[in-house]
Amino acid sequence: MYPPTLREITIEMSNLYSTQTKDQQLYLSMEEVLTFYGILTPLGTALFQEDTWPLDSDVHNESISDAMQRNRFDEIMASLHVVDNTKITDDPFFKVRPIFSELNQSYKVMPFQEWLSVDESMIRYYGRHGCKQFIRGKPIRFGYKLWSLASSSGYMHHMEPYGGSHTLLPETGLGQEPSVVLGLAEQAQMPQGCKFIHDNLFTSLGFLDEMTKRRCGSSGTMRQNRLFDVPFKPQKEFMKLSRGTSEVKTQGDKLLHIECFKMYHGQ
């Protein structure tokens, strides 16, 4: 969960920040970093974090209070950093960029499964930040948006925080959404032969053609205005057909094959 390199970065930058702002050393050690991260995990589910250290039997957590004193925990929390604050960049996530970089690197130890999914993930946040997003219909509507590449088992292979034009994904010339899928695949060093499942945000004919050329499978719904020259029946005529009617159009041979499937389900 917390790679050794990330722990070392946390120690170095937290000690540096304490020196810069308080003119005194934090003297943060590797053992304390591991303990601190270990405490953060259960605290993430606590309604009131200040109730963790009191001795009241109904709220007291002995394993946490024995591991670290409350004052030391607050001292580390106040100085916790993973970058040098004096080296500001145009990356809106520069203060946490090492966390994403180290975690994405650690994800590469697991081999890819055949089926992969690309979608948005949300980190809940109600404060003020230029990258905070609102996505209607999501379980978490307000917060930071991540582009996520995960396997069918739920294992995360790569994640990239969305920062508008500053999102660190390579441009492919196929548009923003297809570039997300291809960019995540490239950065995760995905091998050929994997198959992607995604929603209509990412699907276009140009994207499907590019995935076919890369010897990767791709399956997703497609918006009507992205079908272009696919010779389906006109939409008005198709809607008059009985429920369950479908059309299939194919292009290419067995090695380079694109199939479009259209179905009327009565809605």
Protein backbone atom coordinates (compact mmCIF):
# COMPACT_ATOMS: atom_id res chain seq x y z
CA MET A 1 0.00 0.00 0.00
CA TYR A 2 2.79 2.42 0.91
CA PRO A 3 5.92 1.69 -1.17
CA PRO A 4 9.31 2.08 0.60
CA THR A 5 10.27 4.93 -1.74
CA LEU A 6 7.12 6.84 -0.76
CA ARG A 7 7.95 6.42 2.92
CA GLU A 8 11.44 7.79 2.33
CA ILE A 9 10.05 10.76 0.40
CA THR A 10 7.58 11.43 3.22
CA ILE A 11 10.35 11.46 5.83
CA GLU A 12 12.63 13.75 3.83
CA MET A 13 9.98 16.27 2.77
CA SER A 14 8.13 16.37 6.10
CA ASN A 15 11.38 17.05 7.96
CA LEU A 16 12.23 19.73 5.38
CA TYR A 17 8.81 21.40 5.69
CA SER A 18 9.06 21.46 9.49
CA THR A 19 12.46 23.13 9.23
CA GLN A 20 11.21 25.68 6.69
CA THR A 21 8.06 26.71 8.56
CA LYS A 22 8.85 26.13 12.24
CA ASP A 23 12.62 26.45 12.17
CA GLN A 24 12.92 23.10 13.97
CA GLN A 25 13.41 19.48 12.96
CA LEU A 26 10.50 17.06 13.06
CA TYR A 27 12.88 14.09 13.50
CA LEU A 28 10.43 11.81 11.71
CA SER A 29 11.62 8.19 11.55
CA MET A 30 10.71 5.25 9.33
CA GLU A 31 9.02 3.48 12.25
CA GLU A 32 6.87 6.54 12.95
CA VAL A 33 5.89 6.86 9.28
CA LEU A 34 4.67 3.25 9.23
CA THR A 35 2.77 3.78 12.49
CA PHE A 36 1.29 7.05 11.22
CA TYR A 37 0.06 5.48 7.97
CA GLY A 38 -1.27 2.52 9.95
CA ILE A 39 -3.32 4.87 12.16
CA LEU A 40 -4.66 6.80 9.16
CA THR A 41 -6.37 3.68 7.78
CA PRO A 42 -8.88 3.12 10.65
CA LEU A 43 -9.21 6.88 11.17
CA GLY A 44 -10.58 7.12 7.63
CA THR A 45 -13.74 5.36 8.84
CA ALA A 46 -14.04 7.24 12.16
CA LEU A 47 -16.80 9.83 12.39
CA PHE A 48 -14.87 11.98 14.87
CA GLN A 49 -11.11 11.47 14.84
CA GLU A 50 -10.67 13.35 18.11
CA ASP A 51 -12.56 10.54 19.88
CA THR A 52 -9.81 8.01 19.15
CA TRP A 53 -7.45 8.96 22.00
CA PRO A 54 -9.82 9.75 24.95
CA LEU A 55 -10.02 7.11 27.69
CA ASP A 56 -13.82 6.84 27.57
CA SER A 57 -14.59 3.15 27.10
CA ASP A 58 -17.19 3.72 24.38
CA VAL A 59 -14.82 5.53 22.00
CA HIS A 60 -11.30 4.62 23.13
CA ASN A 61 -9.11 2.72 20.64
CA GLU A 62 -6.33 1.14 22.67
CA SER A 63 -4.30 -0.13 19.69
CA ILE A 64 -4.02 3.40 18.28
CA SER A 65 -3.33 5.21 21.57
CA ASP A 66 -0.64 2.67 22.49
CA ALA A 67 1.04 3.03 19.09
CA MET A 68 1.42 6.83 19.10
CA GLN A 69 0.56 9.74 21.37
CA ARG A 70 -2.06 12.20 20.16
CA ASN A 71 0.31 15.19 20.29
CA ARG A 72 2.91 13.41 18.16
CA PHE A 73 0.26 12.36 15.64
CA ASP A 74 -0.95 15.97 15.31
CA GLU A 75 2.64 17.18 14.99
CA ILE A 76 3.32 14.79 12.09
CA MET A 77 -0.02 15.59 10.45
CA ALA A 78 0.75 19.33 10.52
CA SER A 79 4.08 18.80 8.74
CA LEU A 80 3.19 15.90 6.43
CA HIS A 81 4.55 16.62 2.92
CA VAL A 82 5.86 14.67 -0.07
CA VAL A 83 7.28 17.61 -2.08
CA ASP A 84 9.40 20.70 -1.49
CA ASN A 85 6.93 23.58 -1.21
CA THR A 86 9.47 26.01 -2.67
CA LYS A 87 9.53 24.15 -6.02
CA ILE A 88 6.07 24.94 -7.39
CA THR A 89 5.12 23.68 -10.87
CA ASP A 90 2.09 24.23 -13.14
CA ASP A 91 0.80 20.77 -12.20
CA PRO A 92 -2.36 21.37 -10.10
CA PHE A 93 -1.59 18.13 -8.22
CA PHE A 94 2.12 18.80 -7.69
CA LYS A 95 1.78 18.54 -3.89
CA VAL A 96 0.63 14.92 -4.13
CA ARG A 97 2.20 13.94 -7.46
CA PRO A 98 4.84 11.65 -5.82
CA ILE A 99 2.02 9.64 -4.22
CA PHE A 100 0.42 8.90 -7.60
CA SER A 101 3.80 8.23 -9.23
CA GLU A 102 4.97 5.78 -6.58
CA LEU A 103 1.63 3.98 -6.30
CA ASN A 104 1.34 3.61 -10.08
CA GLN A 105 4.85 2.20 -10.17
CA SER A 106 4.02 -0.30 -7.42
CA TYR A 107 0.89 -1.44 -9.30
CA LYS A 108 3.09 -2.79 -12.12
CA VAL A 109 4.22 -5.77 -10.05
CA MET A 110 0.97 -7.59 -10.88
CA PRO A 111 0.44 -9.08 -14.37
CA PHE A 112 -2.41 -7.87 -16.55
CA GLN A 113 -5.61 -9.88 -16.82
CA GLU A 114 -7.37 -10.29 -20.16
CA TRP A 115 -10.31 -8.00 -19.37
CA LEU A 116 -9.78 -4.38 -18.32
CA SER A 117 -12.06 -1.46 -17.54
CA VAL A 118 -11.49 2.29 -17.93
CA ASP A 119 -13.77 4.71 -16.11
CA GLU A 120 -13.97 7.70 -13.80
CA SER A 121 -13.39 7.36 -10.06
CA MET A 122 -14.17 10.03 -7.49
CA ILE A 123 -12.35 11.03 -4.29
CA ARG A 124 -14.83 12.78 -2.00
CA TYR A 125 -13.96 16.43 -1.33
CA TYR A 126 -16.20 19.37 -0.39
CA GLY A 127 -13.57 22.08 0.04
CA ARG A 128 -12.31 24.60 -2.49
CA HIS A 129 -9.93 23.62 -5.26
CA GLY A 130 -9.70 24.42 -8.95
CA CYS A 131 -9.79 20.73 -9.89
CA LYS A 132 -12.85 19.80 -7.84
CA GLN A 133 -15.50 18.20 -10.06
CA PHE A 134 -19.25 17.64 -9.90
CA ILE A 135 -20.57 14.53 -11.67
CA ARG A 136 -24.31 14.01 -11.54
CA GLY A 137 -25.51 10.49 -10.84
CA LYS A 138 -22.32 9.28 -9.16
CA PRO A 139 -22.37 7.89 -5.58
CA ILE A 140 -19.74 10.54 -4.83
CA ARG A 141 -20.81 13.65 -6.74
CA PHE A 142 -18.29 16.21 -5.44
CA GLY A 143 -14.55 15.71 -5.34
CA TYR A 144 -11.46 14.96 -7.38
CA LYS A 145 -11.88 12.88 -10.51
CA LEU A 146 -9.44 10.11 -11.38
CA TRP A 147 -9.10 8.31 -14.68
CA SER A 148 -8.73 4.67 -13.62
CA LEU A 149 -7.54 1.53 -15.41
CA ALA A 150 -8.55 -1.62 -13.51
CA SER A 151 -8.82 -5.34 -14.19
CA SER A 152 -11.97 -7.45 -13.98
CA SER A 153 -10.89 -8.52 -10.47
CA GLY A 154 -10.91 -4.89 -9.31
CA TYR A 155 -7.11 -4.51 -9.20
CA MET A 156 -5.97 -0.99 -10.10
CA HIS A 157 -3.25 -0.88 -12.76
CA HIS A 158 -2.99 2.89 -13.20
CA MET A 159 -4.74 6.05 -12.04
CA GLU A 160 -4.34 9.64 -13.14
CA PRO A 161 -5.98 12.67 -11.47
CA TYR A 162 -7.97 14.85 -13.84
CA GLY A 163 -6.55 18.37 -14.05
CA GLY A 164 -8.06 19.69 -17.28
CA SER A 165 -5.40 20.62 -19.81
CA HIS A 166 -2.75 19.75 -17.20
CA THR A 167 -3.77 16.08 -16.97
CA LEU A 168 -0.57 14.07 -17.44
CA LEU A 169 -1.68 11.75 -20.24
CA PRO A 170 -0.14 11.61 -23.74
CA GLU A 171 -2.12 13.16 -26.62
CA THR A 172 -3.05 10.74 -29.41
CA GLY A 173 -4.85 13.07 -31.82
CA LEU A 174 -8.13 11.13 -31.44
CA GLY A 175 -9.71 13.49 -28.92
CA GLN A 176 -9.61 13.78 -25.15
CA GLU A 177 -11.65 10.70 -24.24
CA PRO A 178 -9.89 8.13 -26.50
CA SER A 179 -6.57 9.62 -25.36
CA VAL A 180 -7.51 8.72 -21.79
CA VAL A 181 -7.81 4.99 -22.56
CA LEU A 182 -4.73 4.87 -24.78
CA GLY A 183 -2.73 7.06 -22.39
CA LEU A 184 -3.54 4.91 -19.37
CA ALA A 185 -2.65 1.78 -21.35
CA GLU A 186 0.70 3.24 -22.42
CA GLN A 187 1.67 4.46 -18.96
CA ALA A 188 0.69 1.15 -17.38
CA GLN A 189 2.79 -0.65 -20.05
CA MET A 190 -0.12 -2.82 -21.09
CA PRO A 191 0.74 -5.78 -23.36
CA GLN A 192 -1.09 -6.62 -26.58
CA GLY A 193 -4.11 -8.89 -26.43
CA CYS A 194 -5.97 -7.21 -23.57
CA LYS A 195 -9.66 -6.38 -23.97
CA PHE A 196 -11.21 -3.11 -22.76
CA ILE A 197 -14.73 -2.44 -21.50
CA HIS A 198 -15.77 1.22 -21.34
CA ASP A 199 -18.83 3.47 -21.61
CA ASN A 200 -19.91 5.81 -24.40
CA LEU A 201 -17.72 8.64 -23.13
CA PHE A 202 -14.68 6.95 -24.68
CA THR A 203 -16.09 5.11 -27.70
CA SER A 204 -15.65 6.41 -31.26
CA LEU A 205 -14.92 4.79 -34.63
CA GLY A 206 -11.43 6.29 -34.74
CA PHE A 207 -10.71 4.92 -31.28
CA LEU A 208 -11.94 1.42 -32.20
CA ASP A 209 -9.79 1.49 -35.33
CA GLU A 210 -6.73 2.47 -33.30
CA MET A 211 -7.37 -0.26 -30.70
CA THR A 212 -7.72 -2.84 -33.48
CA LYS A 213 -4.39 -1.76 -34.97
CA ARG A 214 -2.79 -2.21 -31.55
CA ARG A 215 -4.13 -5.79 -31.36
CA CYS A 216 -6.37 -4.94 -28.41
CA GLY A 217 -10.06 -5.64 -27.98
CA SER A 218 -12.50 -2.84 -27.19
CA SER A 219 -16.19 -2.96 -26.33
CA GLY A 220 -18.48 -0.09 -25.41
CA THR A 221 -21.71 1.68 -26.27
CA MET A 222 -21.44 4.50 -28.82
CA ARG A 223 -23.35 7.75 -29.03
CA GLN A 224 -25.56 8.22 -32.09
CA ASN A 225 -23.66 11.31 -33.27
CA ARG A 226 -20.39 9.34 -33.41
CA LEU A 227 -21.60 6.67 -35.84
CA PHE A 228 -20.94 8.87 -38.91
CA ASP A 229 -20.81 6.68 -42.05
CA VAL A 230 -21.83 3.34 -40.52
CA PRO A 231 -24.68 2.27 -42.88
CA PHE A 232 -27.33 1.62 -40.24
CA LYS A 233 -30.98 2.26 -40.99
CA PRO A 234 -32.03 5.88 -40.25
CA GLN A 235 -32.86 6.37 -36.58
CA LYS A 236 -36.52 7.30 -37.20
CA GLU A 237 -37.05 4.19 -39.32
CA PHE A 238 -35.22 1.96 -36.85
CA MET A 239 -37.38 3.15 -33.92
CA LYS A 240 -40.51 1.90 -35.71
CA LEU A 241 -39.26 -1.70 -35.69
CA SER A 242 -40.27 -4.25 -33.05
CA ARG A 243 -38.49 -4.40 -29.73
CA GLY A 244 -35.36 -6.57 -29.81
CA THR A 245 -34.56 -5.80 -33.46
CA SER A 246 -30.82 -5.52 -34.11
CA GLU A 247 -28.37 -4.68 -36.88
CA VAL A 248 -24.73 -5.73 -37.19
CA LYS A 249 -22.14 -4.09 -39.45
CA THR A 250 -18.58 -5.38 -39.73
CA GLN A 251 -15.39 -4.08 -41.28
CA GLY A 252 -12.03 -5.75 -41.92
CA ASP A 253 -10.68 -9.29 -41.75
CA LYS A 254 -10.20 -11.60 -38.76
CA LEU A 255 -7.03 -9.80 -37.66
CA LEU A 256 -8.31 -6.24 -38.08
CA HIS A 257 -11.99 -6.50 -37.29
CA ILE A 258 -14.52 -3.88 -36.15
CA GLU A 259 -18.12 -4.79 -35.42
CA CYS A 260 -20.95 -2.32 -34.74
CA PHE A 261 -24.12 -3.70 -33.16
CA LYS A 262 -27.29 -1.65 -32.88
CA MET A 263 -30.33 -2.82 -30.96
CA TYR A 264 -33.74 -1.33 -30.22
CA HIS A 265 -34.81 -2.14 -26.65
CA GLY A 266 -37.98 -0.07 -26.51
CA GLN A 267 -36.66 3.00 -24.66
